[in-house]
Every structure is written in structure tokens, then in C-alpha cells.
Amino acid sequence: MLAAARLSRRDEAWRSAEILLLQHQVTVLQRQVGEHARPKISWADRALIALLLGLIPRARHARMRLIVTPDTILRWRRDLLRRRWARKSWPRGRPPTRRNIKALVLRMARENNEWGYRRIAGELAGLGIKVAPSTVWAILKKAGIDPAPRRTGPSWGDFLRSQAEAILATDFFTVDLLDGTTAHVLTMIEHATRRIHVLGATAHPTAEWTTQMARNALMDLAEHTDGFRFLIRDHGAQFTSGFDAVFHAADIRIVTTGVQAPVMNAIQERWHRSVRTELLDRTLVWNLIHLRRVLAEYEHFYNEHRPHRALGQAAPLHPLPDNVTDLDHFRVTRRDRIGGILHEYHIAA
């Protein structure tokens, strides 16, 4: 456009000579390209050619030497118009369902196995989210979830988590002492809170000793006994009918694991691994008295401070504190336990 402005200010002879020169150069280029070869033209070139050609009277088009014919330019215009109106008239259909609504529908289906797609749509309507039942059905179908009541029930893990508040588990593990003896440690864990109870340690775990540890455990649980309904144990010889009778008197049912199936008491077995890797494999235990002392210290650390993934990184007896607001000015102190084997970190007051 600037070139056209400069051209308009020139003399008529100059303009005519320059136009003739440009036309002759186009003729030379057309001979070199050939009759059947097609020059490569970008969309910007097409737009400029169409704009300038529109300023020239139609009667002059046939006498001009152009790298394209006027019919080609008209075809470009028709193509642009056709694409423009085709894009405007394209059927868009129903708007897509938002991603967070899909996630909420799938969450409700997983957490409520008896709910069908109409029940989920009604629950969403109660939240102020208006979704057609057919949309809910399509979301469930695409995710591979069958409509209720043909949907599969909860898994064994889901069932245990739902019943965790009522489950206790107990078992023995052994510790080799430096005095040449082997200690048998009886522990109990609460499934819901992951709170551990070290009931006792002895070199001779008789049936009478085990039964007395059961009585002591119920005394420690005190008023919390009413909340438990099941106790998981294995087929060890120390667990006699007298041991079971102690818990039956508290209306707690005994659930025995399968033979050589420790996975049925997995939470208790996982605690055995923790106490070995975090304590017993990192220190020398001299005798039974020393073992009882370090286990009591570790029990306090495990219940009061150690984070647990099953509890959202909280400790069994302590919820998570509020988030630190001043991240630039806070101080952390360390407290050592059992001679520095265990470390506790606290925000300094």
C-alpha cells in the first residue's frame, strides 16, 4: 500500500514506464516457469492480489498479464465464503459435560454401589447441579461401570476399611537377645487408629501368661472396649480357649487367620516390619529388661509422633497441626529417643 501511495505521486510517464517494466518482467518469468507449471502462492499473496484486482475495472482484467487468471481469483473468493458459512452452520450438538461433574458422578457411583444413574442425577440436583439422567448413564457406561444393582460390590479391602473401627489384631514376634535367649513379644493393634499396644515380652510364652496379657489388654482399653467387635489372631498354641474366653466376655468375636496366611493379618505383620527396621535392626538388645524398655519407648514414639499414610500422615494419638503461616521465620527442634536411634521434630514455640 505504501508502494501504491508513492506511485500515485510520480509523473504519468514514470508510472507508465514502471508498469511496462513490471509487466515485461512478469512475461519473462512466465516463460521461464513454463506453460504447465503452477507458481507457489501463499494466502497472503492471494489476499493482496484479490485486493488490488478489485480496484481495477473488470474490463481491464482480460488485457492484464497476471500469474493467475481472474477466474482463479474468483474461485479463491468462493472458497473463502464457502468455508466461512460452513463453519458457522456446522452442527455443534450438545455442549460437553464438564470434567469435574464427570469426576463427581464416578465418585458417587464408586462410593454408593446401590445407586443407579437416576439416583445419582437426583443427588446432583440436590446439590444444585442439573444433569440429565441419560448423561449420567453415558458417563457410567463410558467408564465401564454397570448400572445398579448389577454393579459389583465392595472389595475385601473396602469391607475391612469400613469395619476397621471394630477390629483388633494380635500376634507374637520373636527377638534374639545378646544373652543367648529368645524373647517372645505379644502385641495388639487397633485397625482404625493404628494404635499399637505392647502387651508383654517373655522368654516362655505359656498359655497362662498369654491369657493374663489378654486381661491386661482389656483393662488398658477400659471404656473403649464396647467399640470393638472382632479380634484377629492366628492358630498359635498360646491362644487357647481361656484366651478366647477373655474376649468373649467383652462381646468380642475371635477371627482366626488361615494356616500360613499372614496376609490375613497384614496390618499387624506390617507393624512387625516397622519395629524391626526402625528399632531392632539398628540397636543391640542385651536382655529381656532392656527389650521391654526400648519397646516401651518405641510404642510411645509410634503412637504419639510417627506419621502414618493410612491416617493422612497423622500419628495415631495426635492429629495433624494447623499449617505454618510464617514459612520464612520458623524454627524446628529435634528430640532424640533410644540413644539417638529415633528422631522427633517439633516446631519451636
Protein backbone atom coordinates (compact mmCIF):
# COMPACT_ATOMS: atom_id res chain seq x y z
CA MET A 1 0.00 0.00 0.00
CA LEU A 2 2.92 2.36 0.69
CA ALA A 3 4.32 1.50 -2.73
CA ALA A 4 0.97 2.41 -4.30
CA ALA A 5 0.99 5.76 -2.49
CA ARG A 6 4.48 6.57 -3.72
CA LEU A 7 3.47 5.55 -7.26
CA SER A 8 0.49 7.93 -7.25
CA ARG A 9 2.78 10.94 -6.63
CA ARG A 10 5.01 10.23 -9.61
CA ASP A 11 4.67 11.68 -13.09
CA GLU A 12 2.46 9.90 -15.62
CA ALA A 13 5.48 8.96 -17.79
CA TRP A 14 7.31 7.39 -14.86
CA ARG A 15 4.29 5.39 -13.84
CA SER A 16 3.66 4.12 -17.34
CA ALA A 17 7.33 3.14 -17.79
CA GLU A 18 7.46 1.33 -14.45
CA ILE A 19 4.23 -0.53 -15.16
CA LEU A 20 5.53 -1.62 -18.58
CA LEU A 21 8.80 -2.74 -16.99
CA LEU A 22 6.99 -4.79 -14.38
CA GLN A 23 4.70 -6.37 -16.98
CA HIS A 24 7.72 -7.32 -19.10
CA GLN A 25 9.45 -8.92 -16.13
CA VAL A 26 6.31 -10.94 -15.42
CA THR A 27 6.33 -12.08 -19.05
CA VAL A 28 9.96 -13.20 -18.76
CA LEU A 29 9.22 -15.11 -15.52
CA GLN A 30 6.18 -16.80 -17.07
CA ARG A 31 8.30 -18.06 -19.99
CA GLN A 32 10.86 -19.47 -17.58
CA VAL A 33 8.27 -21.19 -15.41
CA GLY A 34 6.56 -22.80 -18.36
CA GLU A 35 3.06 -23.12 -19.53
CA HIS A 36 2.07 -26.08 -17.35
CA ALA A 37 3.95 -25.19 -14.16
CA ARG A 38 1.97 -23.58 -11.35
CA PRO A 39 3.63 -20.86 -9.27
CA LYS A 40 3.51 -21.24 -5.49
CA ILE A 41 1.33 -18.51 -3.98
CA SER A 42 0.74 -18.05 -0.25
CA TRP A 43 -2.55 -16.98 1.27
CA ALA A 44 -1.10 -13.51 1.91
CA ASP A 45 -0.22 -13.21 -1.81
CA ARG A 46 -3.72 -14.28 -2.76
CA ALA A 47 -5.30 -11.70 -0.48
CA LEU A 48 -3.14 -8.86 -1.85
CA ILE A 49 -3.75 -9.84 -5.48
CA ALA A 50 -7.52 -10.04 -4.93
CA LEU A 51 -7.50 -6.65 -3.17
CA LEU A 52 -5.58 -4.87 -5.92
CA LEU A 53 -7.57 -6.57 -8.68
CA GLY A 54 -10.77 -5.30 -7.11
CA LEU A 55 -9.56 -1.71 -7.61
CA ILE A 56 -9.15 -2.20 -11.37
CA PRO A 57 -12.17 -2.07 -13.70
CA ARG A 58 -13.35 -5.50 -14.84
CA ALA A 59 -12.90 -4.52 -18.50
CA ARG A 60 -9.14 -4.23 -17.91
CA HIS A 61 -8.77 -7.74 -16.40
CA ALA A 62 -8.57 -9.54 -19.76
CA ARG A 63 -5.71 -7.33 -21.04
CA MET A 64 -3.56 -7.65 -17.90
CA ARG A 65 -0.70 -10.13 -17.53
CA LEU A 66 -1.22 -11.92 -14.24
CA ILE A 67 0.38 -15.04 -12.77
CA VAL A 68 -3.17 -16.27 -12.18
CA THR A 69 -6.33 -15.84 -14.15
CA PRO A 70 -9.27 -13.76 -12.94
CA ASP A 71 -11.30 -16.97 -12.72
CA THR A 72 -8.80 -18.31 -10.22
CA ILE A 73 -9.19 -15.23 -8.05
CA LEU A 74 -12.96 -15.57 -8.16
CA ARG A 75 -12.59 -19.22 -7.16
CA TRP A 76 -10.48 -18.19 -4.18
CA ARG A 77 -13.23 -15.86 -3.08
CA ARG A 78 -15.90 -18.54 -3.45
CA ASP A 79 -13.80 -20.99 -1.40
CA LEU A 80 -13.34 -18.46 1.38
CA LEU A 81 -17.05 -17.71 1.52
CA ARG A 82 -17.98 -21.39 1.47
CA ARG A 83 -15.61 -22.20 4.35
CA ARG A 84 -16.84 -19.23 6.33
CA TRP A 85 -20.52 -20.18 6.09
CA ALA A 86 -19.78 -23.88 6.52
CA ARG A 87 -18.00 -23.13 9.78
CA LYS A 88 -20.95 -21.07 11.02
CA SER A 89 -23.54 -23.68 10.05
CA TRP A 90 -21.63 -26.70 11.43
CA PRO A 91 -23.92 -28.64 13.84
CA ARG A 92 -22.37 -28.32 17.29
CA GLY A 93 -24.71 -30.65 19.19
CA ARG A 94 -25.00 -30.69 22.97
CA PRO A 95 -22.24 -28.98 24.98
CA PRO A 96 -19.76 -31.41 26.60
CA THR A 97 -20.14 -32.30 30.26
CA ARG A 98 -17.64 -30.57 32.50
CA ARG A 99 -14.75 -32.64 33.78
CA ASN A 100 -15.43 -32.01 37.46
CA ILE A 101 -19.05 -33.15 37.04
CA LYS A 102 -17.87 -36.40 35.42
CA ALA A 103 -15.47 -36.97 38.31
CA LEU A 104 -18.27 -36.35 40.82
CA VAL A 105 -20.59 -38.82 39.05
CA LEU A 106 -17.91 -41.53 39.10
CA ARG A 107 -17.13 -40.81 42.73
CA MET A 108 -20.78 -41.20 43.74
CA ALA A 109 -21.02 -44.46 41.79
CA ARG A 110 -17.92 -45.89 43.48
CA GLU A 111 -18.93 -44.83 46.98
CA ASN A 112 -22.59 -45.95 46.66
CA ASN A 113 -22.88 -49.32 44.96
CA GLU A 114 -26.66 -49.40 45.24
CA TRP A 115 -27.22 -46.08 43.46
CA GLY A 116 -28.38 -46.11 39.85
CA TYR A 117 -27.95 -43.36 37.30
CA ARG A 118 -31.30 -41.77 38.17
CA ARG A 119 -30.42 -41.74 41.87
CA ILE A 120 -27.10 -40.06 41.10
CA ALA A 121 -28.83 -37.49 38.89
CA GLY A 122 -31.21 -36.73 41.75
CA GLU A 123 -28.35 -36.33 44.20
CA LEU A 124 -26.67 -33.88 41.83
CA ALA A 125 -29.91 -31.93 41.51
CA GLY A 126 -30.00 -31.63 45.31
CA LEU A 127 -26.56 -30.02 45.08
CA GLY A 128 -27.78 -27.52 42.50
CA ILE A 129 -26.12 -29.33 39.57
CA LYS A 130 -28.68 -30.08 36.87
CA VAL A 131 -27.62 -33.09 34.77
CA ALA A 132 -29.92 -35.30 32.73
CA PRO A 133 -30.14 -38.96 33.83
CA SER A 134 -29.17 -40.00 30.31
CA THR A 135 -25.93 -38.01 30.68
CA VAL A 136 -25.15 -39.78 33.96
CA TRP A 137 -25.87 -43.13 32.29
CA ALA A 138 -23.49 -42.28 29.42
CA ILE A 139 -20.72 -41.27 31.86
CA LEU A 140 -21.06 -44.54 33.79
CA LYS A 141 -21.20 -46.60 30.61
CA LYS A 142 -18.06 -45.00 29.20
CA ALA A 143 -16.21 -45.66 32.47
CA GLY A 144 -17.22 -49.34 32.37
CA ILE A 145 -19.47 -49.13 35.45
CA ASP A 146 -22.66 -51.17 35.27
CA PRO A 147 -25.97 -49.66 36.39
CA ALA A 148 -27.14 -50.65 39.88
CA PRO A 149 -27.96 -53.22 41.16
CA ARG A 150 -25.76 -55.23 38.76
CA ARG A 151 -22.72 -53.23 39.86
CA THR A 152 -20.08 -55.27 41.67
CA GLY A 153 -19.94 -54.97 45.44
CA PRO A 154 -17.12 -53.59 47.62
CA SER A 155 -13.75 -55.28 47.57
CA TRP A 156 -12.31 -57.11 50.58
CA GLY A 157 -10.11 -54.10 51.31
CA ASP A 158 -13.13 -51.74 51.20
CA PHE A 159 -15.01 -54.03 53.56
CA LEU A 160 -12.14 -54.12 56.05
CA ARG A 161 -11.77 -50.34 55.93
CA SER A 162 -15.47 -49.90 56.63
CA GLN A 163 -15.23 -52.28 59.60
CA ALA A 164 -11.86 -51.01 60.86
CA GLU A 165 -13.36 -49.22 63.87
CA ALA A 166 -14.42 -52.58 65.31
CA ILE A 167 -11.29 -54.68 64.59
CA LEU A 168 -8.35 -55.57 66.83
CA ALA A 169 -5.43 -57.77 65.81
CA THR A 170 -2.82 -59.56 67.91
CA ASP A 171 0.24 -61.70 67.26
CA PHE A 172 3.68 -62.71 68.56
CA PHE A 173 7.09 -61.89 67.14
CA THR A 174 10.50 -63.03 68.38
CA VAL A 175 13.69 -61.13 69.21
CA ASP A 176 17.15 -62.72 69.60
CA LEU A 177 18.91 -61.19 72.62
CA LEU A 178 22.64 -60.84 73.24
CA ASP A 179 22.45 -63.04 76.36
CA GLY A 180 21.67 -66.01 74.11
CA THR A 181 17.94 -66.23 74.78
CA THR A 182 14.97 -65.58 72.52
CA ALA A 183 12.19 -63.26 73.65
CA HIS A 184 8.57 -63.59 72.52
CA VAL A 185 6.73 -60.29 72.28
CA LEU A 186 2.92 -60.13 72.27
CA THR A 187 1.42 -57.01 70.66
CA MET A 188 -2.03 -55.75 69.71
CA ILE A 189 -3.03 -53.09 67.17
CA GLU A 190 -6.24 -51.17 66.54
CA HIS A 191 -7.08 -51.21 62.83
CA ALA A 192 -8.82 -47.84 62.69
CA THR A 193 -6.32 -45.70 64.61
CA ARG A 194 -3.19 -47.86 64.06
CA ARG A 195 -2.52 -47.50 67.79
CA ILE A 196 -0.14 -50.21 68.99
CA HIS A 197 -0.19 -51.95 72.39
CA VAL A 198 2.92 -53.85 73.51
CA LEU A 199 1.26 -56.31 75.87
CA GLY A 200 4.40 -58.01 77.14
CA ALA A 201 7.65 -59.82 76.43
CA THR A 202 8.78 -63.14 77.90
CA ALA A 203 11.17 -65.99 77.23
CA HIS A 204 8.46 -68.59 77.92
CA PRO A 205 5.10 -67.68 76.37
CA THR A 206 2.81 -70.12 78.12
CA ALA A 207 -0.96 -70.25 77.69
CA GLU A 208 -1.47 -68.87 81.20
CA TRP A 209 0.86 -65.91 80.53
CA THR A 210 -0.89 -65.16 77.23
CA THR A 211 -4.31 -65.25 78.89
CA GLN A 212 -3.14 -62.84 81.59
CA MET A 213 -1.84 -60.45 78.88
CA ALA A 214 -5.32 -60.56 77.33
CA ARG A 215 -6.87 -59.50 80.64
CA ASN A 216 -4.35 -56.66 80.95
CA ALA A 217 -5.15 -55.52 77.39
CA LEU A 218 -8.87 -55.24 78.13
CA MET A 219 -8.11 -53.29 81.27
CA ASP A 220 -5.96 -50.86 79.25
CA LEU A 221 -8.73 -50.41 76.66
CA ALA A 222 -11.18 -49.68 79.52
CA GLU A 223 -14.22 -47.78 78.21
CA HIS A 224 -13.15 -48.25 74.56
CA THR A 225 -13.88 -51.97 74.72
CA ASP A 226 -17.50 -51.51 73.64
CA GLY A 227 -16.40 -50.23 70.25
CA PHE A 228 -14.59 -53.44 69.24
CA ARG A 229 -16.34 -56.48 67.80
CA PHE A 230 -13.60 -58.64 66.25
CA LEU A 231 -10.11 -59.83 67.23
CA ILE A 232 -7.87 -61.33 64.55
CA ARG A 233 -5.31 -63.95 65.66
CA ASP A 234 -3.53 -66.97 64.22
CA HIS A 235 -3.56 -70.64 65.31
CA GLY A 236 -0.65 -70.33 67.75
CA ALA A 237 -0.56 -72.81 70.62
CA GLN A 238 -0.52 -69.96 73.15
CA PHE A 239 -4.00 -68.83 72.06
CA THR A 240 -6.13 -71.30 74.00
CA SER A 241 -9.80 -71.36 74.85
CA GLY A 242 -9.02 -69.41 78.03
CA PHE A 243 -7.57 -66.60 75.92
CA ASP A 244 -10.67 -66.54 73.71
CA ALA A 245 -12.97 -66.58 76.74
CA VAL A 246 -11.49 -63.29 77.97
CA PHE A 247 -12.59 -61.54 74.79
CA HIS A 248 -15.89 -63.40 74.53
CA ALA A 249 -16.78 -61.97 77.92
CA ALA A 250 -16.33 -58.49 76.41
CA ASP A 251 -18.57 -59.44 73.45
CA ILE A 252 -15.60 -59.56 71.05
CA ARG A 253 -15.64 -62.30 68.42
CA ILE A 254 -12.43 -64.20 67.62
CA VAL A 255 -11.50 -64.40 63.93
CA THR A 256 -8.68 -66.85 63.14
CA THR A 257 -6.49 -66.49 60.08
CA GLY A 258 -5.82 -69.24 57.58
CA VAL A 259 -2.92 -71.62 58.03
CA GLN A 260 0.30 -69.99 56.78
CA ALA A 261 -1.64 -66.95 55.59
CA PRO A 262 -0.04 -63.90 57.25
CA VAL A 263 -1.67 -61.62 54.69
CA MET A 264 -4.95 -62.11 56.58
CA ASN A 265 -3.34 -60.22 59.47
CA ALA A 266 -1.47 -57.77 57.24
CA ILE A 267 -1.70 -54.67 59.45
CA GLN A 268 -0.18 -56.49 62.41
CA GLU A 269 2.53 -58.01 60.21
CA ARG A 270 3.33 -54.56 58.81
CA TRP A 271 3.92 -53.28 62.34
CA HIS A 272 6.34 -56.13 62.95
CA ARG A 273 8.32 -54.95 59.94
CA SER A 274 8.32 -51.35 61.20
CA VAL A 275 9.62 -52.22 64.66
CA ARG A 276 12.38 -54.37 63.18
CA THR A 277 13.61 -51.93 60.52
CA GLU A 278 13.28 -48.78 62.65
CA LEU A 279 14.45 -50.17 66.01
CA LEU A 280 15.61 -53.76 66.46
CA ASP A 281 17.86 -53.87 63.36
CA ARG A 282 19.58 -50.63 64.47
CA THR A 283 20.45 -51.40 68.08
CA LEU A 284 21.79 -54.20 70.30
CA VAL A 285 19.31 -55.55 72.84
CA TRP A 286 21.12 -57.08 75.76
CA ASN A 287 18.43 -58.83 77.77
CA LEU A 288 14.72 -59.01 78.45
CA ILE A 289 14.69 -55.93 80.69
CA HIS A 290 16.45 -53.88 78.04
CA LEU A 291 13.99 -55.13 75.40
CA ARG A 292 10.97 -54.08 77.46
CA ARG A 293 12.41 -50.62 77.96
CA VAL A 294 13.19 -49.94 74.30
CA LEU A 295 9.83 -51.37 73.19
CA ALA A 296 8.00 -49.09 75.64
CA GLU A 297 9.93 -46.12 74.22
CA TYR A 298 9.17 -47.16 70.65
CA GLU A 299 5.47 -47.68 71.49
CA HIS A 300 5.28 -44.10 72.73
CA PHE A 301 7.08 -42.83 69.61
CA TYR A 302 4.87 -44.89 67.27
CA ASN A 303 1.59 -43.75 68.84
CA GLU A 304 2.47 -40.13 69.61
CA HIS A 305 4.69 -38.99 66.75
CA ARG A 306 5.29 -41.37 63.85
CA PRO A 307 3.29 -40.40 60.72
CA HIS A 308 1.05 -43.00 59.05
CA ARG A 309 -0.08 -42.93 55.43
CA ALA A 310 -3.33 -44.67 56.35
CA LEU A 311 -4.13 -41.72 58.65
CA GLY A 312 -3.18 -38.97 56.20
CA GLN A 313 0.35 -38.70 57.71
CA ALA A 314 -1.05 -38.13 61.21
CA ALA A 315 0.02 -40.06 64.31
CA PRO A 316 -2.46 -42.48 65.96
CA LEU A 317 -2.94 -40.31 69.04
CA HIS A 318 -2.22 -36.88 67.55
CA PRO A 319 -3.99 -35.23 64.59
CA LEU A 320 -2.05 -33.06 62.18
CA PRO A 321 -1.46 -29.49 63.43
CA ASP A 322 -2.51 -26.36 61.58
CA ASN A 323 -0.35 -25.30 58.65
CA VAL A 324 2.54 -22.99 59.39
CA THR A 325 1.61 -19.48 58.28
CA ASP A 326 5.02 -17.80 58.51
CA LEU A 327 7.20 -20.00 56.32
CA ASP A 328 10.12 -17.56 56.46
CA HIS A 329 10.52 -17.41 60.23
CA PHE A 330 10.01 -20.77 61.94
CA ARG A 331 12.40 -22.95 63.92
CA VAL A 332 12.42 -26.73 64.27
CA THR A 333 13.91 -28.61 67.21
CA ARG A 334 14.88 -32.28 67.36
CA ARG A 335 14.37 -34.71 70.20
CA ASP A 336 16.32 -37.97 70.27
CA ARG A 337 14.92 -41.23 71.56
CA ILE A 338 16.65 -44.51 72.48
CA GLY A 339 20.13 -43.06 72.29
CA GLY A 340 19.56 -41.15 69.05
CA ILE A 341 18.13 -44.05 67.01
CA LEU A 342 14.79 -42.28 66.67
CA HIS A 343 14.34 -38.57 66.00
CA GLU A 344 11.31 -36.42 66.68
CA TYR A 345 10.97 -32.95 65.12
CA HIS A 346 8.84 -30.20 66.62
CA ILE A 347 8.11 -26.56 65.84
CA ALA A 348 9.81 -24.45 68.49
CA ALA A 349 7.48 -22.22 70.47
